[in-house]
């Protein structure tokens, strides 16, 4: 459902609405299946809550640009 999409809008409980984008381009030139949060502060929050249950709601999936 989200494979190879440009961006995904999600509502993360405790953090709010964020747009996640591909984290890297793979060695073969294609986007990886991993996505990253937009800011360093968001990533720190995510790390602090690693291993906890966090409610995540899918809001929108942006097709390739």
PDB file of N, CA and C in Angstrom:
ATOM      1  N   UNK A   1       0.817  -1.195   0.000  1.00  0.00           N
ATOM      2  CA  UNK A   1       0.000   0.000   0.000  1.00  0.00           C
ATOM      3  C   UNK A   1       0.862   1.261   0.000  1.00  0.00           C
ATOM      4  N   UNK A   2       1.963   1.275   0.734  1.00  0.00           N
ATOM      5  CA  UNK A   2       2.792   2.479   0.792  1.00  0.00           C
ATOM      6  C   UNK A   2       4.116   2.313   0.054  1.00  0.00           C
ATOM      7  N   UNK A   3       4.342   1.154  -0.531  1.00  0.00           N
ATOM      8  CA  UNK A   3       5.599   0.898  -1.223  1.00  0.00           C
ATOM      9  C   UNK A   3       5.789   1.874  -2.382  1.00  0.00           C
ATOM     10  N   UNK A   4       6.972   2.471  -2.448  1.00  0.00           N
ATOM     11  CA  UNK A   4       7.365   3.393  -3.521  1.00  0.00           C
ATOM     12  C   UNK A   4       6.527   4.664  -3.602  1.00  0.00           C
ATOM     13  N   UNK A   5       5.939   5.084  -2.513  1.00  0.00           N
ATOM     14  CA  UNK A   5       5.178   6.334  -2.502  1.00  0.00           C
ATOM     15  C   UNK A   5       6.123   7.474  -2.128  1.00  0.00           C
ATOM     16  N   UNK A   6       5.837   8.670  -2.607  1.00  0.00           N
ATOM     17  CA  UNK A   6       6.711   9.814  -2.366  1.00  0.00           C
ATOM     18  C   UNK A   6       6.713  10.237  -0.906  1.00  0.00           C
ATOM     19  N   UNK A   7       5.537  10.266  -0.285  1.00  0.00           N
ATOM     20  CA  UNK A   7       5.424  10.704   1.108  1.00  0.00           C
ATOM     21  C   UNK A   7       4.146  10.141   1.713  1.00  0.00           C
ATOM     22  N   UNK A   8       4.145  10.062   3.038  1.00  0.00           N
ATOM     23  CA  UNK A   8       2.990   9.543   3.762  1.00  0.00           C
ATOM     24  C   UNK A   8       2.684  10.498   4.903  1.00  0.00           C
ATOM     25  N   UNK A   9       1.433  10.960   4.986  1.00  0.00           N
ATOM     26  CA  UNK A   9       1.000  11.808   6.100  1.00  0.00           C
ATOM     27  C   UNK A   9       0.413  10.916   7.179  1.00  0.00           C
ATOM     28  N   UNK A  10       0.907  11.079   8.402  1.00  0.00           N
ATOM     29  CA  UNK A  10       0.437  10.277   9.527  1.00  0.00           C
ATOM     30  C   UNK A  10       0.188  11.173  10.734  1.00  0.00           C
ATOM     31  N   UNK A  11      -0.714  10.736  11.593  1.00  0.00           N
ATOM     32  CA  UNK A  11      -0.941  11.406  12.872  1.00  0.00           C
ATOM     33  C   UNK A  11      -0.383  10.470  13.939  1.00  0.00           C
ATOM     34  N   UNK A  12       0.670  10.905  14.619  1.00  0.00           N
ATOM     35  CA  UNK A  12       1.338  10.098  15.626  1.00  0.00           C
ATOM     36  C   UNK A  12       0.910  10.602  16.993  1.00  0.00           C
ATOM     37  N   UNK A  13       0.277   9.713  17.771  1.00  0.00           N
ATOM     38  CA  UNK A  13      -0.191  10.095  19.104  1.00  0.00           C
ATOM     39  C   UNK A  13       0.991  10.588  19.942  1.00  0.00           C
ATOM     40  N   UNK A  14       0.858  11.787  20.492  1.00  0.00           N
ATOM     41  CA  UNK A  14       1.920  12.367  21.303  1.00  0.00           C
ATOM     42  C   UNK A  14       2.863  13.253  20.519  1.00  0.00           C
ATOM     43  N   UNK A  15       2.788  13.195  19.196  1.00  0.00           N
ATOM     44  CA  UNK A  15       3.676  13.993  18.353  1.00  0.00           C
ATOM     45  C   UNK A  15       2.899  14.887  17.405  1.00  0.00           C
ATOM     46  N   UNK A  16       1.801  14.377  16.860  1.00  0.00           N
ATOM     47  CA  UNK A  16       0.973  15.164  15.954  1.00  0.00           C
ATOM     48  C   UNK A  16       1.081  14.698  14.516  1.00  0.00           C
ATOM     49  N   UNK A  17       0.591  15.524  13.613  1.00  0.00           N
ATOM     50  CA  UNK A  17       0.579  15.189  12.188  1.00  0.00           C
ATOM     51  C   UNK A  17       1.950  15.481  11.595  1.00  0.00           C
ATOM     52  N   UNK A  18       2.481  14.481  10.911  1.00  0.00           N
ATOM     53  CA  UNK A  18       3.787  14.608  10.279  1.00  0.00           C
ATOM     54  C   UNK A  18       3.729  13.985   8.892  1.00  0.00           C
ATOM     55  N   UNK A  19       4.601  14.463   8.007  1.00  0.00           N
ATOM     56  CA  UNK A  19       4.772  13.864   6.693  1.00  0.00           C
ATOM     57  C   UNK A  19       6.111  13.152   6.695  1.00  0.00           C
ATOM     58  N   UNK A  20       6.083  11.849   6.474  1.00  0.00           N
ATOM     59  CA  UNK A  20       7.322  11.082   6.414  1.00  0.00           C
ATOM     60  C   UNK A  20       7.690  10.855   4.953  1.00  0.00           C
ATOM     61  N   UNK A  21       8.991  10.860   4.675  1.00  0.00           N
ATOM     62  CA  UNK A  21       9.502  10.689   3.319  1.00  0.00           C
ATOM     63  C   UNK A  21      10.520   9.554   3.305  1.00  0.00           C
ATOM     64  N   UNK A  22      10.889   9.111   2.115  1.00  0.00           N
ATOM     65  CA  UNK A  22      11.885   8.035   2.005  1.00  0.00           C
ATOM     66  C   UNK A  22      13.172   8.433   2.710  1.00  0.00           C
ATOM     67  N   UNK A  23      13.758   7.482   3.420  1.00  0.00           N
ATOM     68  CA  UNK A  23      14.966   7.777   4.177  1.00  0.00           C
ATOM     69  C   UNK A  23      16.218   7.740   3.317  1.00  0.00           C
ATOM     70  N   UNK A  24      16.201   6.979   2.241  1.00  0.00           N
ATOM     71  CA  UNK A  24      17.409   6.867   1.421  1.00  0.00           C
ATOM     72  C   UNK A  24      17.080   6.266   0.058  1.00  0.00           C
ATOM     73  N   UNK A  25      18.024   6.425  -0.837  1.00  0.00           N
ATOM     74  CA  UNK A  25      17.955   5.763  -2.131  1.00  0.00           C
ATOM     75  C   UNK A  25      18.822   4.510  -2.022  1.00  0.00           C
ATOM     76  N   UNK A  26      18.304   3.397  -2.478  1.00  0.00           N
ATOM     77  CA  UNK A  26      19.042   2.142  -2.392  1.00  0.00           C
ATOM     78  C   UNK A  26      20.218   2.097  -3.352  1.00  0.00           C
ATOM     79  N   UNK A  27      21.042   1.089  -3.208  1.00  0.00           N
ATOM     80  CA  UNK A  27      22.222   0.920  -4.066  1.00  0.00           C
ATOM     81  C   UNK A  27      21.845   0.746  -5.531  1.00  0.00           C
ATOM     82  N   UNK A  28      20.633   0.261  -5.772  1.00  0.00           N
ATOM     83  CA  UNK A  28      20.180   0.069  -7.149  1.00  0.00           C
ATOM     84  C   UNK A  28      19.495   1.311  -7.722  1.00  0.00           C
ATOM     85  N   UNK A  29      19.500   2.417  -6.965  1.00  0.00           N
ATOM     86  CA  UNK A  29      18.919   3.661  -7.444  1.00  0.00           C
ATOM     87  C   UNK A  29      17.451   3.849  -7.127  1.00  0.00           C
ATOM     88  N   UNK A  30      16.809   2.828  -6.576  1.00  0.00           N
ATOM     89  CA  UNK A  30      15.394   2.925  -6.213  1.00  0.00           C
ATOM     90  C   UNK A  30      15.258   3.326  -4.751  1.00  0.00           C
ATOM     91  N   UNK A  31      14.137   3.978  -4.391  1.00  0.00           N
ATOM     92  CA  UNK A  31      13.917   4.322  -2.974  1.00  0.00           C
ATOM     93  C   UNK A  31      13.825   3.058  -2.123  1.00  0.00           C
ATOM     94  N   UNK A  32      14.310   3.135  -0.895  1.00  0.00           N
ATOM     95  CA  UNK A  32      14.176   2.009   0.029  1.00  0.00           C
ATOM     96  C   UNK A  32      12.741   1.962   0.544  1.00  0.00           C
ATOM     97  N   UNK A  33      12.423   0.954   1.324  1.00  0.00           N
ATOM     98  CA  UNK A  33      11.090   0.839   1.925  1.00  0.00           C
ATOM     99  C   UNK A  33      11.006   1.611   3.237  1.00  0.00           C
ATOM    100  N   UNK A  34      12.103   2.206   3.666  1.00  0.00           N
ATOM    101  CA  UNK A  34      12.142   2.941   4.934  1.00  0.00           C
ATOM    102  C   UNK A  34      11.746   4.398   4.731  1.00  0.00           C
ATOM    103  N   UNK A  35      11.078   4.935   5.740  1.00  0.00           N
ATOM    104  CA  UNK A  35      10.683   6.341   5.728  1.00  0.00           C
ATOM    105  C   UNK A  35      11.248   7.016   6.966  1.00  0.00           C
ATOM    106  N   UNK A  36      11.407   8.349   6.915  1.00  0.00           N
ATOM    107  CA  UNK A  36      11.956   9.064   8.068  1.00  0.00           C
ATOM    108  C   UNK A  36      11.058  10.224   8.462  1.00  0.00           C
ATOM    109  N   UNK A  37      11.136  10.564   9.741  1.00  0.00           N
ATOM    110  CA  UNK A  37      10.411  11.725  10.260  1.00  0.00           C
ATOM    111  C   UNK A  37      11.109  12.996   9.795  1.00  0.00           C
ATOM    112  N   UNK A  38      10.378  14.115   9.710  1.00  0.00           N
ATOM    113  CA  UNK A  38      10.918  15.321   9.096  1.00  0.00           C
ATOM    114  C   UNK A  38      11.994  16.073   9.877  1.00  0.00           C
ATOM    115  N   UNK A  39      12.022  15.978  11.192  1.00  0.00           N
ATOM    116  CA  UNK A  39      12.995  16.794  11.931  1.00  0.00           C
ATOM    117  C   UNK A  39      13.787  15.974  12.939  1.00  0.00           C
ATOM    118  N   UNK A  40      14.909  16.511  13.338  1.00  0.00           N
ATOM    119  CA  UNK A  40      15.754  15.865  14.343  1.00  0.00           C
ATOM    120  C   UNK A  40      15.001  15.698  15.658  1.00  0.00           C
ATOM    121  N   UNK A  41      14.208  16.699  16.039  1.00  0.00           N
ATOM    122  CA  UNK A  41      13.431  16.628  17.281  1.00  0.00           C
ATOM    123  C   UNK A  41      12.414  15.491  17.229  1.00  0.00           C
ATOM    124  N   UNK A  42      11.773  15.327  16.067  1.00  0.00           N
ATOM    125  CA  UNK A  42      10.815  14.226  15.897  1.00  0.00           C
ATOM    126  C   UNK A  42      11.512  12.882  16.042  1.00  0.00           C
ATOM    127  N   UNK A  43      12.688  12.761  15.428  1.00  0.00           N
ATOM    128  CA  UNK A  43      13.422  11.499  15.514  1.00  0.00           C
ATOM    129  C   UNK A  43      13.873  11.228  16.942  1.00  0.00           C
ATOM    130  N   UNK A  44      14.260  12.245  17.696  1.00  0.00           N
ATOM    131  CA  UNK A  44      14.625  12.071  19.108  1.00  0.00           C
ATOM    132  C   UNK A  44      13.415  11.601  19.911  1.00  0.00           C
ATOM    133  N   UNK A  45      12.252  12.190  19.652  1.00  0.00           N
ATOM    134  CA  UNK A  45      11.026  11.775  20.335  1.00  0.00           C
ATOM    135  C   UNK A  45      10.748  10.305  20.037  1.00  0.00           C
ATOM    136  N   UNK A  46      10.880   9.932  18.762  1.00  0.00           N
ATOM    137  CA  UNK A  46      10.614   8.554  18.354  1.00  0.00           C
ATOM    138  C   UNK A  46      11.565   7.591  19.063  1.00  0.00           C
ATOM    139  N   UNK A  47      12.846   7.939  19.128  1.00  0.00           N
ATOM    140  CA  UNK A  47      13.837   7.102  19.818  1.00  0.00           C
ATOM    141  C   UNK A  47      13.491   6.949  21.299  1.00  0.00           C
ATOM    142  N   UNK A  48      13.046   8.034  21.923  1.00  0.00           N
ATOM    143  CA  UNK A  48      12.702   8.002  23.351  1.00  0.00           C
ATOM    144  C   UNK A  48      11.514   7.080  23.616  1.00  0.00           C
ATOM    145  N   UNK A  49      10.672   6.878  22.613  1.00  0.00           N
ATOM    146  CA  UNK A  49       9.479   6.048  22.776  1.00  0.00           C
ATOM    147  C   UNK A  49       9.622   4.675  22.115  1.00  0.00           C
ATOM    148  N   UNK A  50      10.831   4.335  21.742  1.00  0.00           N
ATOM    149  CA  UNK A  50      11.092   3.021  21.126  1.00  0.00           C
ATOM    150  C   UNK A  50      10.659   1.915  22.083  1.00  0.00           C
ATOM    151  N   UNK A  51      10.000   0.922  21.548  1.00  0.00           N
ATOM    152  CA  UNK A  51       9.555  -0.203  22.358  1.00  0.00           C
ATOM    153  C   UNK A  51       8.202   0.006  23.020  1.00  0.00           C
ATOM    154  N   UNK A  52       7.652   1.214  22.918  1.00  0.00           N
ATOM    155  CA  UNK A  52       6.339   1.508  23.489  1.00  0.00           C
ATOM    156  C   UNK A  52       5.276   1.390  22.393  1.00  0.00           C
ATOM    157  N   UNK A  53       4.045   1.221  22.811  1.00  0.00           N
ATOM    158  CA  UNK A  53       2.941   1.249  21.861  1.00  0.00           C
ATOM    159  C   UNK A  53       2.604   2.706  21.576  1.00  0.00           C
ATOM    160  N   UNK A  54       2.669   3.086  20.306  1.00  0.00           N
ATOM    161  CA  UNK A  54       2.348   4.445  19.879  1.00  0.00           C
ATOM    162  C   UNK A  54       1.289   4.334  18.793  1.00  0.00           C
ATOM    163  N   UNK A  55       0.166   5.015  18.982  1.00  0.00           N
ATOM    164  CA  UNK A  55      -0.918   4.971  18.001  1.00  0.00           C
ATOM    165  C   UNK A  55      -0.538   5.844  16.809  1.00  0.00           C
ATOM    166  N   UNK A  56      -0.641   5.260  15.623  1.00  0.00           N
ATOM    167  CA  UNK A  56      -0.296   5.945  14.396  1.00  0.00           C
ATOM    168  C   UNK A  56      -1.475   5.819  13.442  1.00  0.00           C
ATOM    169  N   UNK A  57      -1.958   6.952  12.932  1.00  0.00           N
ATOM    170  CA  UNK A  57      -3.109   6.941  12.029  1.00  0.00           C
ATOM    171  C   UNK A  57      -2.666   7.426  10.650  1.00  0.00           C
ATOM    172  N   UNK A  58      -2.926   6.623   9.643  1.00  0.00           N
ATOM    173  CA  UNK A  58      -2.603   6.973   8.271  1.00  0.00           C
ATOM    174  C   UNK A  58      -3.605   8.010   7.771  1.00  0.00           C
ATOM    175  N   UNK A  59      -3.114   9.139   7.261  1.00  0.00           N
ATOM    176  CA  UNK A  59      -3.989  10.208   6.789  1.00  0.00           C
ATOM    177  C   UNK A  59      -4.005  10.338   5.268  1.00  0.00           C
ATOM    178  N   UNK A  60      -2.825  10.202   4.639  1.00  0.00           N
ATOM    179  CA  UNK A  60      -2.738  10.425   3.202  1.00  0.00           C
ATOM    180  C   UNK A  60      -1.487   9.749   2.660  1.00  0.00           C
ATOM    181  N   UNK A  61      -1.576   9.277   1.432  1.00  0.00           N
ATOM    182  CA  UNK A  61      -0.422   8.705   0.748  1.00  0.00           C
ATOM    183  C   UNK A  61      -0.223   9.491  -0.535  1.00  0.00           C
ATOM    184  N   UNK A  62       0.957  10.085  -0.681  1.00  0.00           N
ATOM    185  CA  UNK A  62       1.276  10.874  -1.869  1.00  0.00           C
ATOM    186  C   UNK A  62       1.959   9.972  -2.887  1.00  0.00           C
ATOM    187  N   UNK A  63       1.442   9.980  -4.092  1.00  0.00           N
ATOM    188  CA  UNK A  63       2.036   9.170  -5.157  1.00  0.00           C
ATOM    189  C   UNK A  63       3.407   9.719  -5.521  1.00  0.00           C
ATOM    190  N   UNK A  64       4.095   9.015  -6.379  1.00  0.00           N
ATOM    191  CA  UNK A  64       5.401   9.480  -6.858  1.00  0.00           C
ATOM    192  C   UNK A  64       5.238  10.839  -7.519  1.00  0.00           C
ATOM    193  N   UNK A  65       6.269  11.673  -7.356  1.00  0.00           N
ATOM    194  CA  UNK A  65       6.195  13.004  -7.985  1.00  0.00           C
ATOM    195  C   UNK A  65       6.783  12.991  -9.374  1.00  0.00           C
TER     196      UNK A  65
END
